[in-house]
Amino acid sequence: MLKINPLLAIDAYKFGHMSMHPENIDYIYCNLTPRSMKYFNRSIPAEFIDNKLVAFGMQMAIQDIVQSFDDNFFHRPLAEVLSEFLATAAPFIGENAQARSILASNVTKLHKLQYLPLCIKTLPEGTISNPQIPILTIVNTIPGFGWLPNYLETYISQNTWKVATVATLSRIYRKIFEKYSALTCDNNSHIIFQGHDFSSRGMSSSEDSIKDGIGHLTQFWGSDSVHSAFTATTHYGFKNDLPLAFSVPATEHSIMCLGIALSSEEETFRRLLKQYNTGIIAIVSDTNDYWNTITNIAANLKDDILARQPDSMGLCKTVFRPDSGNPVEIVCGIKINQSFPGETLDQALAQTYMGSSYISCDEGYFKVIDESTVEQISEAQVKGSIECLWDIFGGTINSKGFKVLNPKVGLIYGDSITPQRANDILARLAAKGFASSNIVFGIGSYAYNYSTRDSLGFAIKATAAIDSDDNLIPIQKTVKTDTGKKSACGLLHVTPALTLIDNATRAQEATGALQVIFSNGSTNFETDFATIRERAGL
């Protein structure tokens, strides 16, 4: 984690807000709310849009904020942090002496207090919620610190929106997998591993990767993000006999390239299968000629693959991993647009209608590039990876009539897998008669990075204040040019059924679904990630 005075982890305009509040305002009440899913829903197949989101990550953000204040502010000498703060603020606040004086005074008072005078409430971690429902409220607990709740807007916002957005997107993947499992599989036991987190290296930092990876873990057990699994355990705890996350031994292209340079791809496979003669191993398979690997090499290795033995968990599978090309076509094969049985290529081309991409004739399969250019494609490309593996290793027909590969082989695809592509792949497999359990998807940064704070419309707004005479002052942002940005008003009460009552009484605000997780330095955090997963639907 970056070590920075947390009072400097702000947008610059926050400096001035300390002196802009009316003098008689003792308390400011704010909330964090996902306002809309309209941008999020644009990337989701229509049938899976239910306008539900996963409220998650608030606790981790507050833990980090509290720890940062302890390590980088409260536990450092006042003279040091004050000098650092004022020197950094100077270029942003201009020459207003009063504003500078208020800054120095407030920072000094907070440091002497030695804790954050705040009450923070959140929905229980993992709650399936709706847009327009606050997931966090924050109010100062001591008069004179009304500047603090909204001052932390930047810090809270940047440490919450990504976690909740990824958890919500992961839930969509799981809904897609559940649909096709219900259609083509005997049970759902494979789903917790069907979405595997491949995103870590594509994130903007280790902190970003952790937020991303923990969001994924609310919906799946499969992950290659080691530091996300570690952080989820340390931040939330995990009361379960099994580990929080799982992965398997797997190669990358450097392993395969070196093996090919010293011997051959087939011999590299053979060496690895002998070295890992039990359990699951995933082997990247497109280093050279993928279609040769998934047909000829796979057939030559059949005896080696079938000879591998189950490990202590009963697992024994060789997983082929293509990593390039069109994901739908690699997995499911190429759709032939026109077939010309008994015709030569020239005869077929003479009858090919405009826009036909792929044709077949007696001379084979061809991609039509333009009127004078064609490219021959292999039968394996037309069949796709799953059917090629079925041809070599066979399998069984389940109770719903769909083909299930021999349990000793499998496929994982993790390049540019979006919700739409995952849906397309599983729909194509079902149409070809294959169960959805035959494939695992690596969900990477291509999917998890294509989001912003606006995906769920996250915003922090002040909705109430209390003056020195204890008068409650409702406040509200109303925007005529964009009604979607209209805020709630006054104190807020979220019912157990997750409906919002604004302009709530103080008694109402004290109850409801929002629960205190931090108050004046004391925490009341969730301690079981397994419980969070249950709430999130896993």
Foldseek 3Di string as FASTA:
>chain_A
DDQDQLLPLFDLVLLQVLVVDPPQFFKFKKFKFLQAQPLLCVQADPVLDDQKFWQAQLLVLVVVVQVSCLPRPLVDDLVVVLVVVLVVSDVSPDDPPVSSVSSSVVSVVVSVLSFFQKWKWAFAGQATAHGQFTGMMMMGNGGPCNSPPVSCFSSSLVRGLLLRSLLRQLVSLLVLQVVQCVQAHPDCPLSLQQEAAPAQVVAPDNSSSLSNVLSNLLRHQHYPSVVNQVCCCVSFNAPDPDRSHDDAAEDDLVQQVVVCVVPRNLVSVLVVCVVCLEAEYEYEQPNDPNLCCLAVSCLVCVVSLVRRAYDPVGGAAYAYEYEDDQVLLQAAADDQPEEDEPDDPVRVLVVDDPPGQWYAYPVAIWGDPDSPDIDHDDPCSRRHRVSSQCVRQNADQDPSGAGDGDSHYAYEYEYLDGNVSLSSNSVSRVVVRHRSSRYHYHHYCSHSVPDDSSSSNIGMDTQWTAGNVRDIGGDWDADPVDRSPTHAIGQWAQAQVGDIDHPDDPVRSVDHSIGTQDRRRDGDHNRHSVVSSVSNPD
